[in-house]
Amino acid sequence: MQVPLIALIIQGIPEEISLVTLAFVIAKADLDWKKIILGGTFLAFSMYVIRLLPISFGVHTIVLILLLIVFIKLLGQVQDLSIAIMAGLISMLALSTTEILILTALTSILEISEQEFVNNVTLRLLLTLPQVFVMFILAFVIYKVRKN
């Protein structure tokens, strides 16, 4: 599924940065924002390019998980690979869960059809931004709980 470039910039990059942030927090890696932003931006562009390829839907998710694990291990300097794997999988699960819950709630409350959601890029961008904020809030809460 091809993603408009504007969606990559407004929704994709922030979403991947929130994903990397949560993964770093779960893995107890240092929150080095340069590395987090670099990793999130690279993941977003990787997904953009992969979605342009003639491959089965869903393959991009597997690639994203693998790249996320590599970023946690290398950029987050997490020594234990199993921790990087666990952080990557939990972060992806959190992203998927928040996306499903928020989109289901918003489309139901606003009475937006699936077809309308798919065809309207602006609507899609606006309805997917709340999950980015939820991911950052989740990362912040976990970080604060661990500090105390």
C-alpha atoms as a PDB file:
ATOM      1  CA  MET A   1       0.000   0.000   0.000  1.00  0.00           C
ATOM      2  CA  GLN A   2       1.561   3.258  -1.131  1.00  0.00           C
ATOM      3  CA  VAL A   3       1.690   6.016   1.457  1.00  0.00           C
ATOM      4  CA  PRO A   4       1.513   9.680   0.385  1.00  0.00           C
ATOM      5  CA  LEU A   5       4.723  11.576   1.164  1.00  0.00           C
ATOM      6  CA  ILE A   6       2.803  14.014   3.376  1.00  0.00           C
ATOM      7  CA  ALA A   7       1.614  11.056   5.495  1.00  0.00           C
ATOM      8  CA  LEU A   8       5.211   9.955   5.931  1.00  0.00           C
ATOM      9  CA  ILE A   9       6.201  13.375   7.217  1.00  0.00           C
ATOM     10  CA  ILE A  10       3.184  14.209   9.390  1.00  0.00           C
ATOM     11  CA  GLN A  11       2.290  10.769  10.717  1.00  0.00           C
ATOM     12  CA  GLY A  12       4.966   8.200   9.829  1.00  0.00           C
ATOM     13  CA  ILE A  13       8.049   9.881  11.246  1.00  0.00           C
ATOM     14  CA  PRO A  14       6.448  10.933  14.556  1.00  0.00           C
ATOM     15  CA  GLU A  15       4.900   7.471  14.945  1.00  0.00           C
ATOM     16  CA  GLU A  16       8.229   5.718  14.442  1.00  0.00           C
ATOM     17  CA  ILE A  17       9.994   8.146  16.796  1.00  0.00           C
ATOM     18  CA  SER A  18       7.384   7.347  19.452  1.00  0.00           C
ATOM     19  CA  LEU A  19       7.900   3.631  18.771  1.00  0.00           C
ATOM     20  CA  VAL A  20      11.683   3.908  19.184  1.00  0.00           C
ATOM     21  CA  THR A  21      11.231   6.030  22.326  1.00  0.00           C
ATOM     22  CA  LEU A  22       8.981   3.411  23.928  1.00  0.00           C
ATOM     23  CA  ALA A  23      11.354   0.616  22.895  1.00  0.00           C
ATOM     24  CA  PHE A  24      14.335   2.451  24.421  1.00  0.00           C
ATOM     25  CA  VAL A  25      12.424   2.995  27.667  1.00  0.00           C
ATOM     26  CA  ILE A  26      11.370  -0.653  27.839  1.00  0.00           C
ATOM     27  CA  ALA A  27      14.949  -1.786  27.134  1.00  0.00           C
ATOM     28  CA  LYS A  28      16.243   0.688  29.742  1.00  0.00           C
ATOM     29  CA  ALA A  29      18.467   2.343  27.144  1.00  0.00           C
ATOM     30  CA  ASP A  30      19.568   5.950  27.530  1.00  0.00           C
ATOM     31  CA  LEU A  31      17.101   8.390  25.991  1.00  0.00           C
ATOM     32  CA  ASP A  32      19.511   9.944  23.534  1.00  0.00           C
ATOM     33  CA  TRP A  33      17.116  12.025  21.430  1.00  0.00           C
ATOM     34  CA  LYS A  34      19.507  12.323  18.490  1.00  0.00           C
ATOM     35  CA  LYS A  35      19.648   8.529  18.225  1.00  0.00           C
ATOM     36  CA  ILE A  36      15.903   8.162  18.794  1.00  0.00           C
ATOM     37  CA  ILE A  37      15.036  10.716  16.108  1.00  0.00           C
ATOM     38  CA  LEU A  38      17.591   9.198  13.724  1.00  0.00           C
ATOM     39  CA  GLY A  39      16.215   5.703  14.318  1.00  0.00           C
ATOM     40  CA  GLY A  40      12.577   6.759  14.005  1.00  0.00           C
ATOM     41  CA  THR A  41      13.193   8.733  10.833  1.00  0.00           C
ATOM     42  CA  PHE A  42      15.163   5.862   9.285  1.00  0.00           C
ATOM     43  CA  LEU A  43      12.397   3.387  10.178  1.00  0.00           C
ATOM     44  CA  ALA A  44       9.727   5.652   8.675  1.00  0.00           C
ATOM     45  CA  PHE A  45      11.631   6.079   5.408  1.00  0.00           C
ATOM     46  CA  SER A  46      12.391   2.351   5.317  1.00  0.00           C
ATOM     47  CA  MET A  47       8.688   1.564   5.638  1.00  0.00           C
ATOM     48  CA  TYR A  48       7.878   4.109   2.948  1.00  0.00           C
ATOM     49  CA  VAL A  49      10.312   2.491   0.514  1.00  0.00           C
ATOM     50  CA  ILE A  50       9.288  -1.068   1.422  1.00  0.00           C
ATOM     51  CA  ARG A  51       5.623  -0.260   0.814  1.00  0.00           C
ATOM     52  CA  LEU A  52       6.542   0.862  -2.711  1.00  0.00           C
ATOM     53  CA  LEU A  53       7.908  -2.606  -3.472  1.00  0.00           C
ATOM     54  CA  PRO A  54       5.707  -5.331  -4.954  1.00  0.00           C
ATOM     55  CA  ILE A  55       5.695  -7.503  -1.815  1.00  0.00           C
ATOM     56  CA  SER A  56       2.895  -8.988   0.254  1.00  0.00           C
ATOM     57  CA  PHE A  57       1.143  -6.747   2.733  1.00  0.00           C
ATOM     58  CA  GLY A  58       2.494  -7.293   6.232  1.00  0.00           C
ATOM     59  CA  VAL A  59       6.090  -7.950   5.204  1.00  0.00           C
ATOM     60  CA  HIS A  60       6.866  -4.325   6.049  1.00  0.00           C
ATOM     61  CA  THR A  61       5.813  -5.020   9.652  1.00  0.00           C
ATOM     62  CA  ILE A  62       8.254  -7.904   9.972  1.00  0.00           C
ATOM     63  CA  VAL A  63      11.042  -5.771   8.508  1.00  0.00           C
ATOM     64  CA  LEU A  64      10.105  -2.918  10.888  1.00  0.00           C
ATOM     65  CA  ILE A  65      10.324  -5.223  13.901  1.00  0.00           C
ATOM     66  CA  LEU A  66      13.724  -6.524  12.828  1.00  0.00           C
ATOM     67  CA  LEU A  67      15.065  -3.017  12.163  1.00  0.00           C
ATOM     68  CA  LEU A  68      13.682  -1.815  15.494  1.00  0.00           C
ATOM     69  CA  ILE A  69      15.477  -4.631  17.305  1.00  0.00           C
ATOM     70  CA  VAL A  70      18.716  -3.730  15.519  1.00  0.00           C
ATOM     71  CA  PHE A  71      18.300  -0.067  16.513  1.00  0.00           C
ATOM     72  CA  ILE A  72      17.624  -0.969  20.136  1.00  0.00           C
ATOM     73  CA  LYS A  73      20.706  -3.188  20.188  1.00  0.00           C
ATOM     74  CA  LEU A  74      23.068  -0.835  18.353  1.00  0.00           C
ATOM     75  CA  LEU A  75      21.810   2.709  18.942  1.00  0.00           C
ATOM     76  CA  GLY A  76      20.428   1.974  22.399  1.00  0.00           C
ATOM     77  CA  GLN A  77      23.600   0.066  23.211  1.00  0.00           C
ATOM     78  CA  VAL A  78      21.594  -2.735  24.824  1.00  0.00           C
ATOM     79  CA  GLN A  79      23.978  -5.594  25.556  1.00  0.00           C
ATOM     80  CA  ASP A  80      21.433  -8.400  25.829  1.00  0.00           C
ATOM     81  CA  LEU A  81      19.808  -9.320  22.499  1.00  0.00           C
ATOM     82  CA  SER A  82      16.833 -10.903  24.268  1.00  0.00           C
ATOM     83  CA  ILE A  83      16.047  -7.560  25.936  1.00  0.00           C
ATOM     84  CA  ALA A  84      16.224  -5.801  22.558  1.00  0.00           C
ATOM     85  CA  ILE A  85      13.902  -8.418  21.052  1.00  0.00           C
ATOM     86  CA  MET A  86      11.451  -8.149  23.942  1.00  0.00           C
ATOM     87  CA  ALA A  87      11.481  -4.327  23.840  1.00  0.00           C
ATOM     88  CA  GLY A  88      10.910  -4.336  20.077  1.00  0.00           C
ATOM     89  CA  LEU A  89       8.034  -6.796  20.254  1.00  0.00           C
ATOM     90  CA  ILE A  90       6.341  -5.108  23.224  1.00  0.00           C
ATOM     91  CA  SER A  91       6.655  -1.699  21.553  1.00  0.00           C
ATOM     92  CA  MET A  92       5.116  -3.011  18.337  1.00  0.00           C
ATOM     93  CA  LEU A  93       2.326  -4.641  20.323  1.00  0.00           C
ATOM     94  CA  ALA A  94       1.693  -1.334  22.109  1.00  0.00           C
ATOM     95  CA  LEU A  95       1.612   0.527  18.788  1.00  0.00           C
ATOM     96  CA  SER A  96      -0.771  -1.985  17.223  1.00  0.00           C
ATOM     97  CA  THR A  97      -3.029  -1.984  20.270  1.00  0.00           C
ATOM     98  CA  THR A  98      -3.220   1.795  20.565  1.00  0.00           C
ATOM     99  CA  GLU A  99      -3.803   2.110  16.836  1.00  0.00           C
ATOM    100  CA  ILE A 100      -6.673  -0.391  16.854  1.00  0.00           C
ATOM    101  CA  LEU A 101      -8.310   0.996  19.997  1.00  0.00           C
ATOM    102  CA  ILE A 102      -8.031   4.658  19.036  1.00  0.00           C
ATOM    103  CA  LEU A 103      -9.027   4.232  15.393  1.00  0.00           C
ATOM    104  CA  THR A 104     -11.971   2.012  16.310  1.00  0.00           C
ATOM    105  CA  ALA A 105     -13.151   4.506  18.915  1.00  0.00           C
ATOM    106  CA  LEU A 106     -12.696   7.585  16.737  1.00  0.00           C
ATOM    107  CA  THR A 107     -14.285   6.121  13.604  1.00  0.00           C
ATOM    108  CA  SER A 108     -17.214   4.907  15.688  1.00  0.00           C
ATOM    109  CA  ILE A 109     -17.695   8.180  17.582  1.00  0.00           C
ATOM    110  CA  LEU A 110     -17.316  10.292  14.444  1.00  0.00           C
ATOM    111  CA  GLU A 111     -19.325   7.790  12.347  1.00  0.00           C
ATOM    112  CA  ILE A 112     -16.640   7.509   9.676  1.00  0.00           C
ATOM    113  CA  SER A 113     -16.874   4.596   7.269  1.00  0.00           C
ATOM    114  CA  GLU A 114     -13.859   2.443   6.459  1.00  0.00           C
ATOM    115  CA  GLN A 115     -14.039   3.582   2.836  1.00  0.00           C
ATOM    116  CA  GLU A 116     -14.081   7.253   3.865  1.00  0.00           C
ATOM    117  CA  PHE A 117     -11.112   6.672   6.178  1.00  0.00           C
ATOM    118  CA  VAL A 118      -9.082   4.920   3.461  1.00  0.00           C
ATOM    119  CA  ASN A 119      -9.849   7.483   0.742  1.00  0.00           C
ATOM    120  CA  ASN A 120      -9.378  10.696   2.746  1.00  0.00           C
ATOM    121  CA  VAL A 121      -5.675  11.333   3.453  1.00  0.00           C
ATOM    122  CA  THR A 122      -6.322  14.347   5.699  1.00  0.00           C
ATOM    123  CA  LEU A 123      -8.793  12.385   7.800  1.00  0.00           C
ATOM    124  CA  ARG A 124      -6.373   9.464   8.019  1.00  0.00           C
ATOM    125  CA  LEU A 125      -3.590  11.760   9.211  1.00  0.00           C
ATOM    126  CA  LEU A 126      -5.746  13.431  11.852  1.00  0.00           C
ATOM    127  CA  LEU A 127      -7.174  10.180  13.211  1.00  0.00           C
ATOM    128  CA  THR A 128      -3.807   8.456  13.498  1.00  0.00           C
ATOM    129  CA  LEU A 129      -2.002  11.247  15.358  1.00  0.00           C
ATOM    130  CA  PRO A 130      -3.559  10.511  18.787  1.00  0.00           C
ATOM    131  CA  GLN A 131      -1.803   7.137  18.925  1.00  0.00           C
ATOM    132  CA  VAL A 132       1.539   8.940  18.587  1.00  0.00           C
ATOM    133  CA  PHE A 133       0.739  11.030  21.653  1.00  0.00           C
ATOM    134  CA  VAL A 134      -0.425   7.953  23.562  1.00  0.00           C
ATOM    135  CA  MET A 135       2.832   6.154  22.729  1.00  0.00           C
ATOM    136  CA  PHE A 136       4.894   9.102  23.994  1.00  0.00           C
ATOM    137  CA  ILE A 137       2.768   9.341  27.149  1.00  0.00           C
ATOM    138  CA  LEU A 138       3.165   5.603  27.742  1.00  0.00           C
ATOM    139  CA  ALA A 139       6.942   5.885  27.336  1.00  0.00           C
ATOM    140  CA  PHE A 140       7.042   8.893  29.679  1.00  0.00           C
ATOM    141  CA  VAL A 141       4.958   7.116  32.347  1.00  0.00           C
ATOM    142  CA  ILE A 142       7.119   3.988  32.228  1.00  0.00           C
ATOM    143  CA  TYR A 143      10.245   6.130  32.364  1.00  0.00           C
ATOM    144  CA  LYS A 144       8.995   8.101  35.379  1.00  0.00           C
ATOM    145  CA  VAL A 145       7.818   4.983  37.235  1.00  0.00           C
ATOM    146  CA  ARG A 146      11.206   3.357  36.738  1.00  0.00           C
ATOM    147  CA  LYS A 147      13.050   6.481  37.954  1.00  0.00           C
ATOM    148  CA  ASN A 148      11.073   6.500  41.204  1.00  0.00           C
END
